[in-house]
Amino acid sequence: MTREELVQELRLLPLREQEALVEEMLLNIQQGRNASDHSTEEKLAAIHRLAGAFKTNGIPPTDEELKQDYIDYLAKKYS
């Protein structure tokens, strides 16, 4: 079906059906854009590049240590 034929058929529909069809078409276009933004290979490559980003040299700090470090930071900042 050509674009012109599609437009002609659309004009024959009642207004509510025209609106519903246009909304559905827009949703389909948006989903297509979102899906094609990044391929699966690009996403996997990004994950592999980030694999060691948060790796520490020693054992990770405990929640209590992190909390105390944050308290110390705030105390220093606002004193």
PDB file of N, CA and C in Angstrom:
ATOM      1  N   MET A   1       0.859  -1.180   0.000  1.00  0.00           N
ATOM      2  CA  MET A   1       0.000   0.000   0.000  1.00  0.00           C
ATOM      3  C   MET A   1       0.897   1.233   0.000  1.00  0.00           C
ATOM      4  N   THR A   2       0.600   2.156  -0.870  1.00  0.00           N
ATOM      5  CA  THR A   2       1.394   3.383  -0.937  1.00  0.00           C
ATOM      6  C   THR A   2       0.927   4.375   0.121  1.00  0.00           C
ATOM      7  N   ARG A   3       1.723   5.392   0.307  1.00  0.00           N
ATOM      8  CA  ARG A   3       1.376   6.433   1.281  1.00  0.00           C
ATOM      9  C   ARG A   3       0.058   7.100   0.916  1.00  0.00           C
ATOM     10  N   GLU A   4      -0.118   7.399  -0.365  1.00  0.00           N
ATOM     11  CA  GLU A   4      -1.340   8.063  -0.821  1.00  0.00           C
ATOM     12  C   GLU A   4      -2.569   7.196  -0.569  1.00  0.00           C
ATOM     13  N   GLU A   5      -2.441   5.902  -0.828  1.00  0.00           N
ATOM     14  CA  GLU A   5      -3.552   4.981  -0.580  1.00  0.00           C
ATOM     15  C   GLU A   5      -3.874   4.921   0.906  1.00  0.00           C
ATOM     16  N   LEU A   6      -2.848   4.913   1.711  1.00  0.00           N
ATOM     17  CA  LEU A   6      -3.045   4.874   3.160  1.00  0.00           C
ATOM     18  C   LEU A   6      -3.776   6.122   3.642  1.00  0.00           C
ATOM     19  N   VAL A   7      -3.380   7.282   3.134  1.00  0.00           N
ATOM     20  CA  VAL A   7      -4.027   8.531   3.519  1.00  0.00           C
ATOM     21  C   VAL A   7      -5.487   8.533   3.073  1.00  0.00           C
ATOM     22  N   GLN A   8      -5.758   8.035   1.871  1.00  0.00           N
ATOM     23  CA  GLN A   8      -7.140   7.971   1.382  1.00  0.00           C
ATOM     24  C   GLN A   8      -7.996   7.071   2.269  1.00  0.00           C
ATOM     25  N   GLU A   9      -7.448   5.924   2.636  1.00  0.00           N
ATOM     26  CA  GLU A   9      -8.180   4.994   3.503  1.00  0.00           C
ATOM     27  C   GLU A   9      -8.406   5.615   4.880  1.00  0.00           C
ATOM     28  N   LEU A  10      -7.419   6.307   5.379  1.00  0.00           N
ATOM     29  CA  LEU A  10      -7.536   6.953   6.681  1.00  0.00           C
ATOM     30  C   LEU A  10      -8.669   7.972   6.683  1.00  0.00           C
ATOM     31  N   ARG A  11      -8.795   8.729   5.615  1.00  0.00           N
ATOM     32  CA  ARG A  11      -9.842   9.749   5.537  1.00  0.00           C
ATOM     33  C   ARG A  11     -11.243   9.153   5.509  1.00  0.00           C
ATOM     34  N   LEU A  12     -11.368   7.900   5.106  1.00  0.00           N
ATOM     35  CA  LEU A  12     -12.681   7.243   5.062  1.00  0.00           C
ATOM     36  C   LEU A  12     -13.141   6.771   6.439  1.00  0.00           C
ATOM     37  N   LEU A  13     -12.206   6.659   7.368  1.00  0.00           N
ATOM     38  CA  LEU A  13     -12.543   6.178   8.712  1.00  0.00           C
ATOM     39  C   LEU A  13     -13.213   7.284   9.526  1.00  0.00           C
ATOM     40  N   PRO A  14     -14.025   6.883  10.514  1.00  0.00           N
ATOM     41  CA  PRO A  14     -14.571   7.885  11.439  1.00  0.00           C
ATOM     42  C   PRO A  14     -13.437   8.552  12.222  1.00  0.00           C
ATOM     43  N   LEU A  15     -13.685   9.743  12.716  1.00  0.00           N
ATOM     44  CA  LEU A  15     -12.661  10.544  13.378  1.00  0.00           C
ATOM     45  C   LEU A  15     -12.004   9.803  14.545  1.00  0.00           C
ATOM     46  N   ARG A  16     -12.792   9.132  15.373  1.00  0.00           N
ATOM     47  CA  ARG A  16     -12.217   8.407  16.523  1.00  0.00           C
ATOM     48  C   ARG A  16     -11.270   7.295  16.066  1.00  0.00           C
ATOM     49  N   GLU A  17     -11.635   6.611  15.008  1.00  0.00           N
ATOM     50  CA  GLU A  17     -10.768   5.555  14.499  1.00  0.00           C
ATOM     51  C   GLU A  17      -9.504   6.142  13.885  1.00  0.00           C
ATOM     52  N   GLN A  18      -9.617   7.300  13.244  1.00  0.00           N
ATOM     53  CA  GLN A  18      -8.448   7.979  12.704  1.00  0.00           C
ATOM     54  C   GLN A  18      -7.483   8.318  13.839  1.00  0.00           C
ATOM     55  N   GLU A  19      -8.039   8.889  14.911  1.00  0.00           N
ATOM     56  CA  GLU A  19      -7.195   9.258  16.054  1.00  0.00           C
ATOM     57  C   GLU A  19      -6.518   8.027  16.656  1.00  0.00           C
ATOM     58  N   ALA A  20      -7.276   6.948  16.819  1.00  0.00           N
ATOM     59  CA  ALA A  20      -6.719   5.726  17.394  1.00  0.00           C
ATOM     60  C   ALA A  20      -5.611   5.171  16.511  1.00  0.00           C
ATOM     61  N   LEU A  21      -5.828   5.202  15.214  1.00  0.00           N
ATOM     62  CA  LEU A  21      -4.821   4.689  14.287  1.00  0.00           C
ATOM     63  C   LEU A  21      -3.559   5.535  14.324  1.00  0.00           C
ATOM     64  N   VAL A  22      -3.722   6.846  14.351  1.00  0.00           N
ATOM     65  CA  VAL A  22      -2.557   7.736  14.410  1.00  0.00           C
ATOM     66  C   VAL A  22      -1.786   7.521  15.709  1.00  0.00           C
ATOM     67  N   GLU A  23      -2.482   7.396  16.829  1.00  0.00           N
ATOM     68  CA  GLU A  23      -1.809   7.146  18.107  1.00  0.00           C
ATOM     69  C   GLU A  23      -1.037   5.837  18.070  1.00  0.00           C
ATOM     70  N   GLU A  24      -1.643   4.814  17.492  1.00  0.00           N
ATOM     71  CA  GLU A  24      -0.987   3.518  17.405  1.00  0.00           C
ATOM     72  C   GLU A  24       0.251   3.598  16.507  1.00  0.00           C
ATOM     73  N   MET A  25       0.146   4.331  15.427  1.00  0.00           N
ATOM     74  CA  MET A  25       1.290   4.497  14.526  1.00  0.00           C
ATOM     75  C   MET A  25       2.419   5.250  15.215  1.00  0.00           C
ATOM     76  N   LEU A  26       2.092   6.311  15.962  1.00  0.00           N
ATOM     77  CA  LEU A  26       3.115   7.063  16.678  1.00  0.00           C
ATOM     78  C   LEU A  26       3.801   6.204  17.730  1.00  0.00           C
ATOM     79  N   LEU A  27       3.027   5.412  18.442  1.00  0.00           N
ATOM     80  CA  LEU A  27       3.596   4.521  19.446  1.00  0.00           C
ATOM     81  C   LEU A  27       4.542   3.523  18.794  1.00  0.00           C
ATOM     82  N   ASN A  28       4.139   2.996  17.671  1.00  0.00           N
ATOM     83  CA  ASN A  28       4.969   2.039  16.947  1.00  0.00           C
ATOM     84  C   ASN A  28       6.272   2.690  16.500  1.00  0.00           C
ATOM     85  N   ILE A  29       6.207   3.917  16.026  1.00  0.00           N
ATOM     86  CA  ILE A  29       7.409   4.632  15.596  1.00  0.00           C
ATOM     87  C   ILE A  29       8.331   4.880  16.786  1.00  0.00           C
ATOM     88  N   GLN A  30       7.767   5.314  17.918  1.00  0.00           N
ATOM     89  CA  GLN A  30       8.578   5.584  19.109  1.00  0.00           C
ATOM     90  C   GLN A  30       9.264   4.315  19.598  1.00  0.00           C
ATOM     91  N   GLN A  31       8.541   3.205  19.598  1.00  0.00           N
ATOM     92  CA  GLN A  31       9.139   1.947  20.038  1.00  0.00           C
ATOM     93  C   GLN A  31      10.248   1.522  19.091  1.00  0.00           C
ATOM     94  N   GLY A  32      10.049   1.753  17.813  1.00  0.00           N
ATOM     95  CA  GLY A  32      11.076   1.427  16.832  1.00  0.00           C
ATOM     96  C   GLY A  32      12.317   2.261  17.028  1.00  0.00           C
ATOM     97  N   ARG A  33      12.147   3.539  17.339  1.00  0.00           N
ATOM     98  CA  ARG A  33      13.299   4.407  17.592  1.00  0.00           C
ATOM     99  C   ARG A  33      14.042   3.964  18.839  1.00  0.00           C
ATOM    100  N   ASN A  34      13.298   3.658  19.909  1.00  0.00           N
ATOM    101  CA  ASN A  34      13.934   3.233  21.157  1.00  0.00           C
ATOM    102  C   ASN A  34      14.691   1.934  20.967  1.00  0.00           C
ATOM    103  N   ALA A  35      14.123   1.027  20.205  1.00  0.00           N
ATOM    104  CA  ALA A  35      14.759  -0.267  20.002  1.00  0.00           C
ATOM    105  C   ALA A  35      16.018  -0.133  19.165  1.00  0.00           C
ATOM    106  N   SER A  36      16.043   0.812  18.244  1.00  0.00           N
ATOM    107  CA  SER A  36      17.193   0.923  17.353  1.00  0.00           C
ATOM    108  C   SER A  36      18.238   1.896  17.863  1.00  0.00           C
ATOM    109  N   ASP A  37      18.025   2.496  19.030  1.00  0.00           N
ATOM    110  CA  ASP A  37      19.008   3.435  19.559  1.00  0.00           C
ATOM    111  C   ASP A  37      20.378   2.771  19.713  1.00  0.00           C
ATOM    112  N   HIS A  38      20.414   1.608  20.329  1.00  0.00           N
ATOM    113  CA  HIS A  38      21.667   0.893  20.544  1.00  0.00           C
ATOM    114  C   HIS A  38      21.425  -0.589  20.284  1.00  0.00           C
ATOM    115  N   SER A  39      22.309  -1.179  19.539  1.00  0.00           N
ATOM    116  CA  SER A  39      22.182  -2.606  19.256  1.00  0.00           C
ATOM    117  C   SER A  39      22.601  -3.412  20.484  1.00  0.00           C
ATOM    118  N   THR A  40      22.265  -4.663  20.471  1.00  0.00           N
ATOM    119  CA  THR A  40      22.634  -5.558  21.567  1.00  0.00           C
ATOM    120  C   THR A  40      24.145  -5.640  21.702  1.00  0.00           C
ATOM    121  N   GLU A  41      24.836  -5.656  20.568  1.00  0.00           N
ATOM    122  CA  GLU A  41      26.297  -5.729  20.611  1.00  0.00           C
ATOM    123  C   GLU A  41      26.878  -4.488  21.279  1.00  0.00           C
ATOM    124  N   GLU A  42      26.301  -3.308  20.979  1.00  0.00           N
ATOM    125  CA  GLU A  42      26.788  -2.075  21.598  1.00  0.00           C
ATOM    126  C   GLU A  42      26.555  -2.084  23.100  1.00  0.00           C
ATOM    127  N   LYS A  43      25.411  -2.585  23.520  1.00  0.00           N
ATOM    128  CA  LYS A  43      25.103  -2.657  24.947  1.00  0.00           C
ATOM    129  C   LYS A  43      26.055  -3.607  25.661  1.00  0.00           C
ATOM    130  N   LEU A  44      26.308  -4.766  25.058  1.00  0.00           N
ATOM    131  CA  LEU A  44      27.229  -5.729  25.667  1.00  0.00           C
ATOM    132  C   LEU A  44      28.642  -5.170  25.735  1.00  0.00           C
ATOM    133  N   ALA A  45      29.058  -4.451  24.708  1.00  0.00           N
ATOM    134  CA  ALA A  45      30.388  -3.851  24.713  1.00  0.00           C
ATOM    135  C   ALA A  45      30.512  -2.833  25.840  1.00  0.00           C
ATOM    136  N   ALA A  46      29.465  -2.048  26.061  1.00  0.00           N
ATOM    137  CA  ALA A  46      29.482  -1.066  27.146  1.00  0.00           C
ATOM    138  C   ALA A  46      29.577  -1.756  28.499  1.00  0.00           C
ATOM    139  N   ILE A  47      28.863  -2.843  28.668  1.00  0.00           N
ATOM    140  CA  ILE A  47      28.913  -3.598  29.925  1.00  0.00           C
ATOM    141  C   ILE A  47      30.325  -4.134  30.163  1.00  0.00           C
ATOM    142  N   HIS A  48      30.945  -4.666  29.122  1.00  0.00           N
ATOM    143  CA  HIS A  48      32.297  -5.203  29.272  1.00  0.00           C
ATOM    144  C   HIS A  48      33.307  -4.103  29.583  1.00  0.00           C
ATOM    145  N   ARG A  49      33.111  -2.912  29.027  1.00  0.00           N
ATOM    146  CA  ARG A  49      34.018  -1.800  29.323  1.00  0.00           C
ATOM    147  C   ARG A  49      33.891  -1.362  30.781  1.00  0.00           C
ATOM    148  N   LEU A  50      32.717  -1.520  31.358  1.00  0.00           N
ATOM    149  CA  LEU A  50      32.498  -1.097  32.743  1.00  0.00           C
ATOM    150  C   LEU A  50      32.794  -2.192  33.770  1.00  0.00           C
ATOM    151  N   ALA A  51      33.194  -3.344  33.312  1.00  0.00           N
ATOM    152  CA  ALA A  51      33.347  -4.497  34.193  1.00  0.00           C
ATOM    153  C   ALA A  51      34.207  -4.211  35.414  1.00  0.00           C
ATOM    154  N   GLY A  52      35.306  -3.499  35.283  1.00  0.00           N
ATOM    155  CA  GLY A  52      36.177  -3.252  36.421  1.00  0.00           C
ATOM    156  C   GLY A  52      36.075  -1.851  36.987  1.00  0.00           C
ATOM    157  N   ALA A  53      35.077  -1.109  36.610  1.00  0.00           N
ATOM    158  CA  ALA A  53      34.980   0.296  37.005  1.00  0.00           C
ATOM    159  C   ALA A  53      34.883   0.483  38.514  1.00  0.00           C
ATOM    160  N   PHE A  54      34.246  -0.415  39.214  1.00  0.00           N
ATOM    161  CA  PHE A  54      34.041  -0.252  40.650  1.00  0.00           C
ATOM    162  C   PHE A  54      34.856  -1.249  41.460  1.00  0.00           C
ATOM    163  N   LYS A  55      35.827  -1.849  40.827  1.00  0.00           N
ATOM    164  CA  LYS A  55      36.674  -2.822  41.496  1.00  0.00           C
ATOM    165  C   LYS A  55      37.617  -2.107  42.454  1.00  0.00           C
ATOM    166  N   THR A  56      37.783  -2.660  43.649  1.00  0.00           N
ATOM    167  CA  THR A  56      38.695  -2.080  44.630  1.00  0.00           C
ATOM    168  C   THR A  56      39.932  -2.961  44.761  1.00  0.00           C
ATOM    169  N   ASN A  57      41.018  -2.371  45.259  1.00  0.00           N
ATOM    170  CA  ASN A  57      42.253  -3.135  45.435  1.00  0.00           C
ATOM    171  C   ASN A  57      42.178  -4.050  46.651  1.00  0.00           C
ATOM    172  N   GLY A  58      41.472  -3.605  47.678  1.00  0.00           N
ATOM    173  CA  GLY A  58      41.355  -4.401  48.893  1.00  0.00           C
ATOM    174  C   GLY A  58      39.929  -4.890  49.072  1.00  0.00           C
ATOM    175  N   ILE A  59      39.609  -5.172  50.326  1.00  0.00           N
ATOM    176  CA  ILE A  59      38.243  -5.584  50.615  1.00  0.00           C
ATOM    177  C   ILE A  59      37.350  -4.336  50.609  1.00  0.00           C
ATOM    178  N   PRO A  60      36.137  -4.452  50.124  1.00  0.00           N
ATOM    179  CA  PRO A  60      35.270  -3.276  50.073  1.00  0.00           C
ATOM    180  C   PRO A  60      34.888  -2.820  51.479  1.00  0.00           C
ATOM    181  N   PRO A  61      34.677  -1.509  51.655  1.00  0.00           N
ATOM    182  CA  PRO A  61      34.307  -1.013  52.979  1.00  0.00           C
ATOM    183  C   PRO A  61      32.912  -1.496  53.377  1.00  0.00           C
ATOM    184  N   THR A  62      32.719  -1.619  54.681  1.00  0.00           N
ATOM    185  CA  THR A  62      31.409  -2.030  55.190  1.00  0.00           C
ATOM    186  C   THR A  62      30.443  -0.851  55.124  1.00  0.00           C
ATOM    187  N   ASP A  63      29.183  -1.130  55.321  1.00  0.00           N
ATOM    188  CA  ASP A  63      28.183  -0.067  55.334  1.00  0.00           C
ATOM    189  C   ASP A  63      28.468   0.939  56.442  1.00  0.00           C
ATOM    190  N   GLU A  64      28.903   0.452  57.591  1.00  0.00           N
ATOM    191  CA  GLU A  64      29.227   1.341  58.713  1.00  0.00           C
ATOM    192  C   GLU A  64      30.390   2.252  58.368  1.00  0.00           C
ATOM    193  N   GLU A  65      31.403   1.705  57.715  1.00  0.00           N
ATOM    194  CA  GLU A  65      32.549   2.517  57.319  1.00  0.00           C
ATOM    195  C   GLU A  65      32.143   3.581  56.302  1.00  0.00           C
ATOM    196  N   LEU A  66      31.318   3.202  55.371  1.00  0.00           N
ATOM    197  CA  LEU A  66      30.832   4.171  54.388  1.00  0.00           C
ATOM    198  C   LEU A  66      30.014   5.268  55.059  1.00  0.00           C
ATOM    199  N   LYS A  67      29.178   4.870  55.999  1.00  0.00           N
ATOM    200  CA  LYS A  67      28.362   5.849  56.713  1.00  0.00           C
ATOM    201  C   LYS A  67      29.243   6.816  57.496  1.00  0.00           C
ATOM    202  N   GLN A  68      30.260   6.284  58.177  1.00  0.00           N
ATOM    203  CA  GLN A  68      31.157   7.139  58.955  1.00  0.00           C
ATOM    204  C   GLN A  68      31.956   8.068  58.040  1.00  0.00           C
ATOM    205  N   ASP A  69      32.415   7.569  56.909  1.00  0.00           N
ATOM    206  CA  ASP A  69      33.131   8.419  55.955  1.00  0.00           C
ATOM    207  C   ASP A  69      32.242   9.563  55.477  1.00  0.00           C
ATOM    208  N   TYR A  70      30.981   9.283  55.237  1.00  0.00           N
ATOM    209  CA  TYR A  70      30.047  10.310  54.775  1.00  0.00           C
ATOM    210  C   TYR A  70      29.804  11.346  55.879  1.00  0.00           C
ATOM    211  N   ILE A  71      29.660  10.870  57.103  1.00  0.00           N
ATOM    212  CA  ILE A  71      29.476  11.787  58.241  1.00  0.00           C
ATOM    213  C   ILE A  71      30.699  12.677  58.388  1.00  0.00           C
ATOM    214  N   ASP A  72      31.888  12.083  58.280  1.00  0.00           N
ATOM    215  CA  ASP A  72      33.124  12.859  58.380  1.00  0.00           C
ATOM    216  C   ASP A  72      33.214  13.899  57.265  1.00  0.00           C
ATOM    217  N   TYR A  73      32.824  13.494  56.055  1.00  0.00           N
ATOM    218  CA  TYR A  73      32.831  14.423  54.927  1.00  0.00           C
ATOM    219  C   TYR A  73      31.909  15.610  55.174  1.00  0.00           C
ATOM    220  N   LEU A  74      30.687  15.326  55.650  1.00  0.00           N
ATOM    221  CA  LEU A  74      29.730  16.408  55.920  1.00  0.00           C
ATOM    222  C   LEU A  74      30.216  17.315  57.049  1.00  0.00           C
ATOM    223  N   ALA A  75      30.791  16.696  58.084  1.00  0.00           N
ATOM    224  CA  ALA A  75      31.299  17.494  59.212  1.00  0.00           C
ATOM    225  C   ALA A  75      32.411  18.435  58.738  1.00  0.00           C
ATOM    226  N   LYS A  76      33.299  17.942  57.915  1.00  0.00           N
ATOM    227  CA  LYS A  76      34.387  18.771  57.392  1.00  0.00           C
ATOM    228  C   LYS A  76      33.841  19.846  56.462  1.00  0.00           C
ATOM    229  N   LYS A  77      32.877  19.499  55.647  1.00  0.00           N
ATOM    230  CA  LYS A  77      32.325  20.447  54.673  1.00  0.00           C
ATOM    231  C   LYS A  77      31.610  21.603  55.365  1.00  0.00           C
ATOM    232  N   TYR A  78      30.856  21.320  56.393  1.00  0.00           N
ATOM    233  CA  TYR A  78      30.029  22.338  57.030  1.00  0.00           C
ATOM    234  C   TYR A  78      30.629  22.900  58.326  1.00  0.00           C
ATOM    235  N   SER A  79      31.889  22.617  58.621  1.00  0.00           N
ATOM    236  CA  SER A  79      32.491  23.186  59.836  1.00  0.00           C
ATOM    237  C   SER A  79      33.359  24.381  59.507  1.00  0.00           C
TER     238      SER A  79
END
